[in-house]
Amino acid sequence: MERGRPMEEVKMLVSGYVVKDQRRIVRVSFIRGTDYAEGTLPDGVIDKSKGFSEEEIRKLANFLRVNKNEILGEAKKVNPIRSWLRE
C-alpha cells in the first residue's frame, strides 16, 4: 500500500436501491479517514475516489464484483425513511 494504511481500516457504506438512468443501482462508499472511494453495483466499478492508490481501487472494484450478491442483499434491507427518522 502506498500510504502505509491497512485496508482493514476501511469502512463500507451501502445505500438502498436507487434509480439512475432507468436502472436500479446501489451506491457503495469506502471510507478510510479522509480517503474515499465510491462505486456502483451491479456494475462493480469505482467511479470516484480520493486518497486510494490505483492498486487499492482495483482491489475495491474486485471486492464489489466478488461480493455483489451479499452487498445487494444488504441494500435490500436499507430503509431510508427509518434511518432518516432516527436522526
Protein backbone atom coordinates (compact mmCIF):
# COMPACT_ATOMS: atom_id res chain seq x y z
CA MET A 1 0.00 0.00 0.00
CA GLU A 2 1.37 3.36 -0.95
CA ARG A 3 0.06 5.22 2.03
CA GLY A 4 1.02 2.61 4.61
CA ARG A 5 -2.54 2.27 5.84
CA PRO A 6 -4.06 -1.19 6.04
CA MET A 7 -7.24 -1.94 4.11
CA GLU A 8 -8.72 -3.26 7.39
CA GLU A 9 -9.30 0.37 8.41
CA VAL A 10 -11.71 0.86 5.51
CA LYS A 11 -15.40 1.22 6.35
CA MET A 12 -18.06 0.37 3.80
CA LEU A 13 -21.42 2.10 3.50
CA VAL A 14 -24.20 0.66 1.32
CA SER A 15 -27.17 2.63 0.03
CA GLY A 16 -30.58 1.23 -0.65
CA TYR A 17 -31.60 0.75 -4.27
CA VAL A 18 -31.87 3.96 -6.30
CA VAL A 19 -32.96 4.51 -9.88
CA LYS A 20 -30.47 6.19 -12.20
CA ASP A 21 -30.87 6.34 -15.97
CA GLN A 22 -33.83 3.96 -15.68
CA ARG A 23 -31.65 1.35 -13.92
CA ARG A 24 -31.74 0.14 -10.33
CA ILE A 25 -28.34 0.58 -8.76
CA VAL A 26 -26.75 0.51 -5.32
CA ARG A 27 -24.10 3.05 -4.30
CA VAL A 28 -21.23 1.71 -2.20
CA SER A 29 -18.80 4.01 -0.39
CA PHE A 30 -15.47 3.01 1.11
CA ILE A 31 -14.06 5.39 3.72
CA ARG A 32 -10.62 5.40 5.38
CA GLY A 33 -10.06 8.57 7.36
CA THR A 34 -10.27 11.34 4.76
CA ASP A 35 -9.80 8.91 1.84
CA TYR A 36 -12.88 7.71 -0.01
CA ALA A 37 -13.91 5.62 -2.99
CA GLU A 38 -17.42 5.34 -4.39
CA GLY A 39 -18.75 2.70 -6.70
CA THR A 40 -21.92 1.15 -8.02
CA LEU A 41 -23.49 -2.25 -8.28
CA PRO A 42 -24.44 -4.23 -10.26
CA ASP A 43 -21.63 -2.83 -12.47
CA GLY A 44 -18.93 -3.30 -9.82
CA VAL A 45 -16.95 -0.21 -10.79
CA ILE A 46 -15.38 2.54 -8.70
CA ASP A 47 -16.32 5.88 -10.27
CA LYS A 48 -15.00 8.39 -7.71
CA SER A 49 -12.04 8.27 -5.36
CA LYS A 50 -9.56 10.36 -3.42
CA GLY A 51 -6.58 9.08 -1.46
CA PHE A 52 -6.66 5.42 -2.50
CA SER A 53 -3.87 4.10 -4.75
CA GLU A 54 -4.68 2.64 -8.17
CA GLU A 55 -3.94 -0.83 -6.79
CA GLU A 56 -6.35 -0.25 -3.88
CA ILE A 57 -9.04 0.96 -6.32
CA ARG A 58 -8.63 -2.27 -8.34
CA LYS A 59 -8.94 -4.30 -5.13
CA LEU A 60 -12.07 -2.41 -4.08
CA ALA A 61 -13.68 -2.89 -7.52
CA ASN A 62 -12.82 -6.59 -7.35
CA PHE A 63 -14.33 -6.75 -3.85
CA LEU A 64 -17.56 -5.26 -5.24
CA ARG A 65 -17.73 -7.83 -8.03
CA VAL A 66 -16.86 -10.83 -5.85
CA ASN A 67 -19.29 -9.84 -3.07
CA LYS A 68 -22.02 -8.43 -5.31
CA ASN A 69 -24.82 -10.73 -4.15
CA GLU A 70 -24.14 -10.17 -0.45
CA ILE A 71 -23.88 -6.39 -0.87
CA LEU A 72 -27.09 -6.25 -2.93
CA GLY A 73 -28.76 -8.30 -0.19
CA GLU A 74 -27.69 -5.69 2.37
CA ALA A 75 -29.04 -2.93 0.12
CA LYS A 76 -32.47 -4.57 0.17
CA LYS A 77 -32.51 -4.18 3.96
CA VAL A 78 -31.83 -0.43 3.86
CA ASN A 79 -34.87 1.61 4.79
CA PRO A 80 -34.04 5.28 4.15
CA ILE A 81 -37.18 6.58 5.88
CA ARG A 82 -36.43 4.67 9.08
CA SER A 83 -32.82 5.89 9.04
CA TRP A 84 -33.93 9.47 8.46
CA LEU A 85 -36.46 9.35 11.31
CA ARG A 86 -33.79 8.19 13.79
CA GLU A 87 -31.81 11.42 13.43
